[in-house]
C-alpha atoms as a PDB file:
ATOM      1  CA  MET A   1     -34.595  39.570 -84.327  1.00  0.00           C
ATOM      2  CA  THR A   2     -36.853  39.546 -81.282  1.00  0.00           C
ATOM      3  CA  TYR A   3     -39.866  37.381 -80.740  1.00  0.00           C
ATOM      4  CA  PRO A   4     -42.834  37.468 -78.362  1.00  0.00           C
ATOM      5  CA  THR A   5     -43.313  35.381 -75.280  1.00  0.00           C
ATOM      6  CA  SER A   6     -46.751  33.817 -75.069  1.00  0.00           C
ATOM      7  CA  THR A   7     -48.625  34.269 -71.810  1.00  0.00           C
ATOM      8  CA  THR A   8     -50.317  30.941 -72.541  1.00  0.00           C
ATOM      9  CA  ALA A   9     -47.069  29.071 -72.131  1.00  0.00           C
ATOM     10  CA  GLY A  10     -46.161  30.939 -68.972  1.00  0.00           C
ATOM     11  CA  PRO A  11     -43.409  33.456 -68.165  1.00  0.00           C
ATOM     12  CA  GLN A  12     -40.707  30.783 -68.045  1.00  0.00           C
ATOM     13  CA  ALA A  13     -41.236  29.533 -71.594  1.00  0.00           C
ATOM     14  CA  PRO A  14     -39.907  31.639 -74.496  1.00  0.00           C
ATOM     15  CA  THR A  15     -42.280  31.317 -77.433  1.00  0.00           C
ATOM     16  CA  VAL A  16     -42.115  32.078 -81.144  1.00  0.00           C
ATOM     17  CA  GLY A  17     -45.493  32.859 -82.686  1.00  0.00           C
ATOM     18  CA  ALA A  18     -48.886  32.716 -81.012  1.00  0.00           C
ATOM     19  CA  ALA A  19     -49.445  29.627 -78.885  1.00  0.00           C
ATOM     20  CA  GLN A  20     -53.113  28.680 -79.132  1.00  0.00           C
ATOM     21  CA  GLY A  21     -55.073  26.706 -76.567  1.00  0.00           C
ATOM     22  CA  GLY A  22     -56.134  23.261 -77.756  1.00  0.00           C
ATOM     23  CA  ALA A  23     -53.572  23.198 -80.568  1.00  0.00           C
ATOM     24  CA  ASP A  24     -51.978  20.035 -81.966  1.00  0.00           C
ATOM     25  CA  VAL A  25     -48.262  20.002 -81.198  1.00  0.00           C
ATOM     26  CA  ALA A  26     -45.183  17.942 -81.957  1.00  0.00           C
ATOM     27  CA  LEU A  27     -42.490  17.249 -79.370  1.00  0.00           C
ATOM     28  CA  TYR A  28     -38.808  17.050 -80.221  1.00  0.00           C
ATOM     29  CA  THR A  29     -35.452  16.685 -78.516  1.00  0.00           C
ATOM     30  CA  THR A  30     -31.969  15.442 -79.299  1.00  0.00           C
ATOM     31  CA  SER A  31     -29.533  13.525 -77.120  1.00  0.00           C
ATOM     32  CA  VAL A  32     -26.751  10.984 -77.326  1.00  0.00           C
ATOM     33  CA  ASN A  33     -28.572   8.873 -74.729  1.00  0.00           C
ATOM     34  CA  SER A  34     -31.934   7.257 -75.524  1.00  0.00           C
ATOM     35  CA  ARG A  35     -32.922   7.097 -71.845  1.00  0.00           C
ATOM     36  CA  VAL A  36     -32.345  10.836 -71.422  1.00  0.00           C
ATOM     37  CA  ALA A  37     -34.308  11.521 -74.600  1.00  0.00           C
ATOM     38  CA  ALA A  38     -37.247   9.434 -73.360  1.00  0.00           C
ATOM     39  CA  VAL A  39     -37.298  11.241 -70.007  1.00  0.00           C
ATOM     40  CA  THR A  40     -37.153  14.592 -71.790  1.00  0.00           C
ATOM     41  CA  LEU A  41     -40.059  13.716 -74.072  1.00  0.00           C
ATOM     42  CA  ALA A  42     -42.118  12.590 -71.079  1.00  0.00           C
ATOM     43  CA  ALA A  43     -41.518  15.943 -69.399  1.00  0.00           C
ATOM     44  CA  LEU A  44     -42.398  17.801 -72.599  1.00  0.00           C
ATOM     45  CA  GLU A  45     -45.613  15.774 -72.929  1.00  0.00           C
ATOM     46  CA  ASP A  46     -46.586  16.703 -69.366  1.00  0.00           C
ATOM     47  CA  PHE A  47     -45.832  20.367 -70.124  1.00  0.00           C
ATOM     48  CA  ALA A  48     -47.957  20.268 -73.288  1.00  0.00           C
ATOM     49  CA  THR A  49     -50.851  18.551 -71.533  1.00  0.00           C
ATOM     50  CA  ARG A  50     -50.859  21.109 -68.733  1.00  0.00           C
ATOM     51  CA  HIS A  51     -51.204  23.853 -71.348  1.00  0.00           C
ATOM     52  CA  GLY A  52     -54.126  22.185 -73.078  1.00  0.00           C
ATOM     53  CA  TRP A  53     -52.324  21.045 -76.234  1.00  0.00           C
ATOM     54  CA  THR A  54     -52.768  17.698 -77.970  1.00  0.00           C
ATOM     55  CA  VAL A  55     -49.542  15.847 -78.736  1.00  0.00           C
ATOM     56  CA  VAL A  56     -49.789  14.375 -82.246  1.00  0.00           C
ATOM     57  CA  HIS A  57     -46.165  13.321 -82.654  1.00  0.00           C
ATOM     58  CA  GLN A  58     -43.010  12.780 -80.595  1.00  0.00           C
ATOM     59  CA  ALA A  59     -39.509  12.400 -82.010  1.00  0.00           C
ATOM     60  CA  TYR A  60     -35.905  12.445 -80.924  1.00  0.00           C
ATOM     61  CA  ASP A  61     -32.556  12.050 -82.629  1.00  0.00           C
ATOM     62  CA  LEU A  62     -29.612  10.249 -81.076  1.00  0.00           C
ATOM     63  CA  THR A  63     -27.100  12.826 -82.256  1.00  0.00           C
ATOM     64  CA  PRO A  64     -24.927  15.449 -80.546  1.00  0.00           C
ATOM     65  CA  LEU A  65     -25.945  19.073 -80.900  1.00  0.00           C
ATOM     66  CA  HIS A  66     -23.274  19.929 -83.449  1.00  0.00           C
ATOM     67  CA  VAL A  67     -25.049  17.793 -86.101  1.00  0.00           C
ATOM     68  CA  PRO A  68     -27.227  20.196 -88.161  1.00  0.00           C
ATOM     69  CA  ALA A  69     -30.963  19.705 -87.671  1.00  0.00           C
ATOM     70  CA  ARG A  70     -31.510  19.249 -91.429  1.00  0.00           C
ATOM     71  CA  LEU A  71     -29.449  16.034 -91.225  1.00  0.00           C
ATOM     72  CA  ARG A  72     -31.526  14.499 -88.423  1.00  0.00           C
ATOM     73  CA  THR A  73     -34.287  12.045 -89.329  1.00  0.00           C
ATOM     74  CA  GLY A  74     -36.512  12.845 -86.339  1.00  0.00           C
ATOM     75  CA  TRP A  75     -36.332  16.593 -86.892  1.00  0.00           C
ATOM     76  CA  ARG A  76     -37.104  16.277 -90.615  1.00  0.00           C
ATOM     77  CA  THR A  77     -40.297  14.379 -89.738  1.00  0.00           C
ATOM     78  CA  VAL A  78     -41.347  17.041 -87.230  1.00  0.00           C
ATOM     79  CA  ALA A  79     -40.572  19.847 -89.675  1.00  0.00           C
ATOM     80  CA  GLN A  80     -42.720  18.145 -92.324  1.00  0.00           C
ATOM     81  CA  LEU A  81     -45.674  17.896 -89.912  1.00  0.00           C
ATOM     82  CA  LEU A  82     -45.406  21.609 -89.180  1.00  0.00           C
ATOM     83  CA  ASP A  83     -44.931  22.517 -92.829  1.00  0.00           C
ATOM     84  CA  ASN A  84     -48.054  20.663 -93.988  1.00  0.00           C
ATOM     85  CA  GLY A  85     -50.196  21.906 -91.102  1.00  0.00           C
ATOM     86  CA  ARG A  86     -50.662  18.565 -89.346  1.00  0.00           C
ATOM     87  CA  ALA A  87     -49.168  20.186 -86.232  1.00  0.00           C
ATOM     88  CA  ALA A  88     -49.686  23.811 -85.266  1.00  0.00           C
ATOM     89  CA  GLY A  89     -46.947  24.009 -82.668  1.00  0.00           C
ATOM     90  CA  LEU A  90     -43.581  22.677 -81.595  1.00  0.00           C
ATOM     91  CA  VAL A  91     -42.367  21.988 -78.047  1.00  0.00           C
ATOM     92  CA  VAL A  92     -38.594  21.591 -77.611  1.00  0.00           C
ATOM     93  CA  PRO A  93     -36.545  21.976 -74.411  1.00  0.00           C
ATOM     94  CA  ALA A  94     -34.560  24.903 -75.867  1.00  0.00           C
ATOM     95  CA  GLU A  95     -34.033  26.545 -79.232  1.00  0.00           C
ATOM     96  CA  TYR A  96     -30.356  25.610 -79.382  1.00  0.00           C
ATOM     97  CA  GLU A  97     -31.369  21.940 -79.760  1.00  0.00           C
ATOM     98  CA  ILE A  98     -32.492  22.850 -83.297  1.00  0.00           C
ATOM     99  CA  ALA A  99     -30.548  26.000 -84.179  1.00  0.00           C
ATOM    100  CA  ARG A 100     -27.117  26.733 -82.692  1.00  0.00           C
ATOM    101  CA  THR A 101     -25.926  29.890 -84.453  1.00  0.00           C
ATOM    102  CA  PRO A 102     -27.680  33.290 -84.641  1.00  0.00           C
ATOM    103  CA  SER A 103     -28.239  32.871 -88.385  1.00  0.00           C
ATOM    104  CA  GLU A 104     -29.793  29.413 -87.882  1.00  0.00           C
ATOM    105  CA  GLN A 105     -32.008  30.780 -85.105  1.00  0.00           C
ATOM    106  CA  ASN A 106     -33.190  33.691 -87.258  1.00  0.00           C
ATOM    107  CA  ALA A 107     -33.977  31.295 -90.111  1.00  0.00           C
ATOM    108  CA  LEU A 108     -35.901  28.957 -87.786  1.00  0.00           C
ATOM    109  CA  ARG A 109     -37.965  31.818 -86.336  1.00  0.00           C
ATOM    110  CA  ALA A 110     -38.721  33.264 -89.766  1.00  0.00           C
ATOM    111  CA  TRP A 111     -39.824  29.839 -91.029  1.00  0.00           C
ATOM    112  CA  LEU A 112     -42.144  29.288 -88.047  1.00  0.00           C
ATOM    113  CA  LEU A 113     -43.764  32.688 -88.462  1.00  0.00           C
ATOM    114  CA  ARG A 114     -44.185  32.137 -92.215  1.00  0.00           C
ATOM    115  CA  ILE A 115     -45.912  28.712 -91.970  1.00  0.00           C
ATOM    116  CA  PRO A 116     -47.384  29.878 -89.508  1.00  0.00           C
ATOM    117  CA  ALA A 117     -46.673  27.775 -86.424  1.00  0.00           C
ATOM    118  CA  PHE A 118     -45.561  28.424 -82.874  1.00  0.00           C
ATOM    119  CA  ALA A 119     -42.645  27.000 -80.913  1.00  0.00           C
ATOM    120  CA  VAL A 120     -42.303  26.835 -77.138  1.00  0.00           C
ATOM    121  CA  TYR A 121     -39.035  26.236 -75.281  1.00  0.00           C
ATOM    122  CA  PRO A 122     -39.971  25.374 -71.659  1.00  0.00           C
ATOM    123  CA  HIS A 123     -36.414  24.839 -70.394  1.00  0.00           C
ATOM    124  CA  ALA A 124     -34.619  27.639 -72.190  1.00  0.00           C
ATOM    125  CA  ARG A 125     -34.478  30.314 -69.514  1.00  0.00           C
ATOM    126  CA  HIS A 126     -31.652  29.326 -67.241  1.00  0.00           C
ATOM    127  CA  HIS A 127     -28.801  31.512 -66.126  1.00  0.00           C
ATOM    128  CA  GLY A 128     -25.286  30.914 -67.285  1.00  0.00           C
ATOM    129  CA  PRO A 129     -23.950  29.765 -70.631  1.00  0.00           C
ATOM    130  CA  THR A 130     -25.620  27.414 -73.044  1.00  0.00           C
ATOM    131  CA  PRO A 131     -24.108  23.944 -72.701  1.00  0.00           C
ATOM    132  CA  GLN A 132     -21.223  23.602 -75.137  1.00  0.00           C
ATOM    133  CA  TYR A 133     -20.175  20.411 -76.887  1.00  0.00           C
ATOM    134  CA  LEU A 134     -16.720  19.326 -77.896  1.00  0.00           C
ATOM    135  CA  GLY A 135     -16.995  16.334 -80.189  1.00  0.00           C
ATOM    136  CA  PRO A 136     -19.789  13.769 -80.071  1.00  0.00           C
ATOM    137  CA  GLY A 137     -21.617  13.937 -76.748  1.00  0.00           C
ATOM    138  CA  ALA A 138     -18.772  15.352 -74.653  1.00  0.00           C
ATOM    139  CA  PRO A 139     -20.296  18.010 -72.359  1.00  0.00           C
ATOM    140  CA  VAL A 140     -18.017  20.813 -71.207  1.00  0.00           C
ATOM    141  CA  ASP A 141     -20.496  22.720 -69.039  1.00  0.00           C
ATOM    142  CA  ARG A 142     -22.401  20.394 -66.708  1.00  0.00           C
ATOM    143  CA  ALA A 143     -24.152  22.971 -64.611  1.00  0.00           C
ATOM    144  CA  TRP A 144     -27.614  24.489 -64.462  1.00  0.00           C
ATOM    145  CA  CYS A 145     -28.523  27.691 -62.651  1.00  0.00           C
ATOM    146  CA  ARG A 146     -31.756  29.613 -62.282  1.00  0.00           C
ATOM    147  CA  SER A 147     -33.473  32.148 -60.002  1.00  0.00           C
ATOM    148  CA  TYR A 148     -36.838  31.678 -58.320  1.00  0.00           C
ATOM    149  CA  ALA A 149     -39.071  33.909 -56.234  1.00  0.00           C
ATOM    150  CA  LEU A 150     -38.726  33.358 -52.499  1.00  0.00           C
ATOM    151  CA  THR A 151     -42.254  31.982 -52.216  1.00  0.00           C
ATOM    152  CA  PRO A 152     -43.622  28.522 -51.438  1.00  0.00           C
ATOM    153  CA  ALA A 153     -45.244  28.477 -54.884  1.00  0.00           C
ATOM    154  CA  SER A 154     -41.785  28.290 -56.460  1.00  0.00           C
ATOM    155  CA  LEU A 155     -40.935  24.946 -54.897  1.00  0.00           C
ATOM    156  CA  ARG A 156     -42.982  22.705 -57.170  1.00  0.00           C
ATOM    157  CA  GLY A 157     -41.582  24.227 -60.350  1.00  0.00           C
ATOM    158  CA  LEU A 158     -38.102  24.071 -58.889  1.00  0.00           C
ATOM    159  CA  ARG A 159     -38.430  20.343 -58.165  1.00  0.00           C
ATOM    160  CA  ASP A 160     -39.741  19.620 -61.660  1.00  0.00           C
ATOM    161  CA  ALA A 161     -36.900  21.554 -63.285  1.00  0.00           C
ATOM    162  CA  ALA A 162     -34.277  19.942 -61.039  1.00  0.00           C
ATOM    163  CA  ARG A 163     -35.488  16.451 -61.903  1.00  0.00           C
ATOM    164  CA  MET A 164     -35.262  17.277 -65.591  1.00  0.00           C
ATOM    165  CA  TYR A 165     -31.830  18.895 -65.484  1.00  0.00           C
ATOM    166  CA  LEU A 166     -30.215  16.288 -63.256  1.00  0.00           C
ATOM    167  CA  THR A 167     -31.161  13.802 -65.956  1.00  0.00           C
ATOM    168  CA  LEU A 168     -29.940  16.043 -68.767  1.00  0.00           C
ATOM    169  CA  LEU A 169     -26.671  16.676 -66.917  1.00  0.00           C
ATOM    170  CA  GLY A 170     -26.140  12.935 -66.764  1.00  0.00           C
ATOM    171  CA  TRP A 171     -25.619  12.705 -63.013  1.00  0.00           C
ATOM    172  CA  PRO A 172     -25.447   8.970 -62.185  1.00  0.00           C
ATOM    173  CA  GLY A 173     -26.571   9.274 -58.556  1.00  0.00           C
ATOM    174  CA  ASP A 174     -29.985   9.002 -56.898  1.00  0.00           C
ATOM    175  CA  ILE A 175     -31.916  11.793 -58.622  1.00  0.00           C
ATOM    176  CA  PRO A 176     -35.066  11.723 -56.409  1.00  0.00           C
ATOM    177  CA  THR A 177     -32.857  12.097 -53.320  1.00  0.00           C
ATOM    178  CA  ALA A 178     -30.946  14.979 -54.916  1.00  0.00           C
ATOM    179  CA  VAL A 179     -34.241  16.686 -55.779  1.00  0.00           C
ATOM    180  CA  GLU A 180     -35.352  16.294 -52.161  1.00  0.00           C
ATOM    181  CA  VAL A 181     -32.061  17.794 -50.945  1.00  0.00           C
ATOM    182  CA  LEU A 182     -32.498  20.815 -53.199  1.00  0.00           C
ATOM    183  CA  SER A 183     -36.128  21.155 -52.147  1.00  0.00           C
ATOM    184  CA  ARG A 184     -35.147  21.217 -48.456  1.00  0.00           C
ATOM    185  CA  LEU A 185     -32.474  23.860 -49.026  1.00  0.00           C
ATOM    186  CA  ALA A 186     -34.876  25.976 -51.078  1.00  0.00           C
ATOM    187  CA  HIS A 187     -37.624  25.613 -48.458  1.00  0.00           C
ATOM    188  CA  ASN A 188     -35.197  26.864 -45.811  1.00  0.00           C
ATOM    189  CA  ALA A 189     -34.438  29.906 -47.964  1.00  0.00           C
ATOM    190  CA  VAL A 190     -38.142  30.619 -48.462  1.00  0.00           C
ATOM    191  CA  ILE A 191     -38.789  30.410 -44.708  1.00  0.00           C
ATOM    192  CA  HIS A 192     -35.748  32.267 -43.418  1.00  0.00           C
ATOM    193  CA  ALA A 193     -34.542  34.619 -46.166  1.00  0.00           C
ATOM    194  CA  ARG A 194     -37.643  36.548 -47.249  1.00  0.00           C
ATOM    195  CA  PRO A 195     -37.483  40.317 -46.571  1.00  0.00           C
ATOM    196  CA  ASP A 196     -38.891  41.422 -43.227  1.00  0.00           C
ATOM    197  CA  ASN A 197     -40.541  44.485 -44.746  1.00  0.00           C
ATOM    198  CA  GLU A 198     -43.810  43.411 -46.372  1.00  0.00           C
ATOM    199  CA  ALA A 199     -43.618  46.454 -48.651  1.00  0.00           C
ATOM    200  CA  GLU A 200     -40.475  45.036 -50.243  1.00  0.00           C
ATOM    201  CA  ALA A 201     -40.504  42.509 -53.024  1.00  0.00           C
ATOM    202  CA  ASP A 202     -40.316  38.880 -52.014  1.00  0.00           C
ATOM    203  CA  GLY A 203     -36.783  38.677 -53.387  1.00  0.00           C
ATOM    204  CA  GLU A 204     -35.202  35.778 -55.190  1.00  0.00           C
ATOM    205  CA  MET A 205     -33.100  32.738 -54.511  1.00  0.00           C
ATOM    206  CA  THR A 206     -30.706  31.306 -57.056  1.00  0.00           C
ATOM    207  CA  VAL A 207     -30.314  27.542 -57.302  1.00  0.00           C
ATOM    208  CA  ARG A 208     -27.468  25.795 -59.047  1.00  0.00           C
ATOM    209  CA  LEU A 209     -26.772  22.158 -59.841  1.00  0.00           C
ATOM    210  CA  ALA A 210     -23.247  21.279 -60.930  1.00  0.00           C
ATOM    211  CA  VAL A 211     -21.657  17.918 -61.649  1.00  0.00           C
ATOM    212  CA  ALA A 212     -18.029  18.192 -60.585  1.00  0.00           C
ATOM    213  CA  GLU A 213     -15.048  15.872 -60.780  1.00  0.00           C
ATOM    214  CA  ASP A 214     -15.759  12.202 -59.987  1.00  0.00           C
ATOM    215  CA  ASN A 215     -19.485  12.905 -60.543  1.00  0.00           C
ATOM    216  CA  VAL A 216     -19.814  14.745 -57.243  1.00  0.00           C
ATOM    217  CA  LEU A 217     -23.031  16.783 -57.299  1.00  0.00           C
ATOM    218  CA  LEU A 218     -22.975  20.300 -55.843  1.00  0.00           C
ATOM    219  CA  VAL A 219     -26.385  21.674 -54.900  1.00  0.00           C
ATOM    220  CA  ASP A 220     -26.306  25.412 -54.172  1.00  0.00           C
ATOM    221  CA  VAL A 221     -29.061  27.722 -52.967  1.00  0.00           C
ATOM    222  CA  GLU A 222     -28.125  31.398 -52.739  1.00  0.00           C
ATOM    223  CA  ASP A 223     -30.425  33.806 -50.916  1.00  0.00           C
ATOM    224  CA  PRO A 224     -30.368  37.577 -50.221  1.00  0.00           C
ATOM    225  CA  ARG A 225     -30.035  37.303 -46.432  1.00  0.00           C
ATOM    226  CA  PRO A 226     -26.328  37.046 -45.528  1.00  0.00           C
ATOM    227  CA  GLU A 227     -26.966  36.381 -41.843  1.00  0.00           C
ATOM    228  CA  PHE A 228     -26.912  32.772 -40.730  1.00  0.00           C
ATOM    229  CA  PRO A 229     -27.212  32.773 -36.930  1.00  0.00           C
ATOM    230  CA  ASP A 230     -26.314  29.531 -35.181  1.00  0.00           C
ATOM    231  CA  SER A 231     -25.245  28.038 -38.494  1.00  0.00           C
ATOM    232  CA  LYS A 232     -23.267  25.218 -36.873  1.00  0.00           C
ATOM    233  CA  ALA A 233     -26.205  24.231 -34.694  1.00  0.00           C
ATOM    234  CA  ALA A 234     -28.519  24.308 -37.715  1.00  0.00           C
ATOM    235  CA  ILE A 235     -26.201  22.123 -39.806  1.00  0.00           C
ATOM    236  CA  ASP A 236     -25.666  19.738 -36.895  1.00  0.00           C
ATOM    237  CA  GLY A 237     -29.415  19.411 -36.418  1.00  0.00           C
ATOM    238  CA  GLU A 238     -29.435  21.066 -33.005  1.00  0.00           C
ATOM    239  CA  LYS A 239     -31.574  23.953 -34.274  1.00  0.00           C
ATOM    240  CA  GLY A 240     -34.332  23.136 -36.712  1.00  0.00           C
ATOM    241  CA  ARG A 241     -34.582  19.976 -38.770  1.00  0.00           C
ATOM    242  CA  GLY A 242     -34.206  21.106 -42.387  1.00  0.00           C
ATOM    243  CA  LEU A 243     -30.439  20.842 -42.707  1.00  0.00           C
ATOM    244  CA  MET A 244     -30.316  17.836 -40.416  1.00  0.00           C
ATOM    245  CA  TYR A 245     -32.636  16.023 -42.824  1.00  0.00           C
ATOM    246  CA  VAL A 246     -30.404  17.042 -45.733  1.00  0.00           C
ATOM    247  CA  ARG A 247     -27.472  15.416 -43.943  1.00  0.00           C
ATOM    248  CA  LEU A 248     -29.525  12.286 -43.256  1.00  0.00           C
ATOM    249  CA  LEU A 249     -30.081  12.056 -47.014  1.00  0.00           C
ATOM    250  CA  GLY A 250     -26.337  11.652 -47.407  1.00  0.00           C
ATOM    251  CA  ALA A 251     -25.264  15.215 -48.229  1.00  0.00           C
ATOM    252  CA  GLN A 252     -22.406  17.197 -46.721  1.00  0.00           C
ATOM    253  CA  VAL A 253     -23.633  20.722 -45.910  1.00  0.00           C
ATOM    254  CA  THR A 254     -21.572  23.921 -45.846  1.00  0.00           C
ATOM    255  CA  TRP A 255     -22.312  27.605 -46.325  1.00  0.00           C
ATOM    256  CA  SER A 256     -20.456  30.731 -47.430  1.00  0.00           C
ATOM    257  CA  LEU A 257     -20.853  34.468 -47.973  1.00  0.00           C
ATOM    258  CA  SER A 258     -20.556  36.152 -51.363  1.00  0.00           C
ATOM    259  CA  GLU A 259     -17.530  38.377 -51.988  1.00  0.00           C
ATOM    260  CA  ASP A 260     -19.568  41.524 -51.290  1.00  0.00           C
ATOM    261  CA  ALA A 261     -21.168  39.887 -48.207  1.00  0.00           C
ATOM    262  CA  ARG A 262     -24.642  40.670 -49.523  1.00  0.00           C
ATOM    263  CA  THR A 263     -25.805  37.099 -50.053  1.00  0.00           C
ATOM    264  CA  LYS A 264     -25.080  33.670 -48.665  1.00  0.00           C
ATOM    265  CA  THR A 265     -25.008  30.280 -50.302  1.00  0.00           C
ATOM    266  CA  VAL A 266     -25.857  26.994 -48.622  1.00  0.00           C
ATOM    267  CA  GLN A 267     -24.307  24.060 -50.426  1.00  0.00           C
ATOM    268  CA  ALA A 268     -24.991  20.340 -50.263  1.00  0.00           C
ATOM    269  CA  ARG A 269     -22.322  18.025 -51.655  1.00  0.00           C
ATOM    270  CA  MET A 270     -23.548  14.613 -52.782  1.00  0.00           C
ATOM    271  CA  LEU A 271     -21.648  11.551 -53.986  1.00  0.00           C
ATOM    272  CA  PRO A 272     -23.142   9.487 -56.815  1.00  0.00           C
ATOM    273  CA  ASP A 273     -22.889   6.403 -54.596  1.00  0.00           C
ATOM    274  CA  PRO A 274     -23.498   7.242 -50.910  1.00  0.00           C
ATOM    275  CA  SER A 275     -22.560   3.758 -49.704  1.00  0.00           C
ATOM    276  CA  PRO A 276     -19.178   3.366 -47.895  1.00  0.00           C
END
C-alpha cells in the first residue's frame, strides 16, 4: 500500500493523508529514556510550529519498540484524540515507532485515512536499516546515515538532524561539539566537492553517524570528488582551517577512497570524554 507525501511537510517528511496548514496536531514518541523522549518531543514541536500547526497534545511512552502500540498508555490517548476529531494530525519521528510490521503499518495507514487524519514522520527518511531491538531497550544498530545536496542550504537541516540523532543514538559525549565537527566536514564537502560543470547537478554528500565500541563516535562525510590534494597538509592545518578546527575540537581526522575510487570519505573519530 502506497501513500502520498505532502508538499506541506516538505520532501523529507513522509506523510499519510493530506496535511493541512493550521491544523491541530498531536505529538508522540516512544523511548526507554525519558530525557531522550523529552528532547524528541521538543524537536517535533519545533517541526510542527514551523509548518504552521497547533500542538494540542504531547505524549510519550517509556517502552521499547517491541511493545505493541495498543498496550501503551500514551499512544492510546493520542489515538483517542485523533479518533474523536480533537486532533487532525499526528507527528511522530518515524512510522515504525507505532507500527513495526507491514500488516501493522497497513492497518495504521488505513485507520488514518478512514478517520480521516494525517500523519507526518519527519525523521523517517534515512538510509540504511531501521534500528532493530533485541530485548528491552538494547539497540543493535546505532548508526544513522543520510544524503544531502552539496549546497550551503543543506547545512542547517543537517545540523538539526544530527543533533536529534546523536541524542536518539544515545551517544554520551558532547553533542554540540559533535554537531560542529560534522558541520565543518560537510561545509568542506560543499566548498570543495561540488561539480565544476555548472550544467551538472550539484551532487550529493552522504553523512553517517555511528556509535562504535567504547562509545567512540565516527562522523563520516562522503562526497563525489575522490581527489584530495595535499590531504596531509589540510588535516595538519597547514592548508585551510576547516580540518584543523575539527582537530582542535578533539577529533582525529582520516580519509579514504571508496572501493571503486569514485568517492572519498573524510572521517572524524571522537571519544565520549576528550579529557586525558
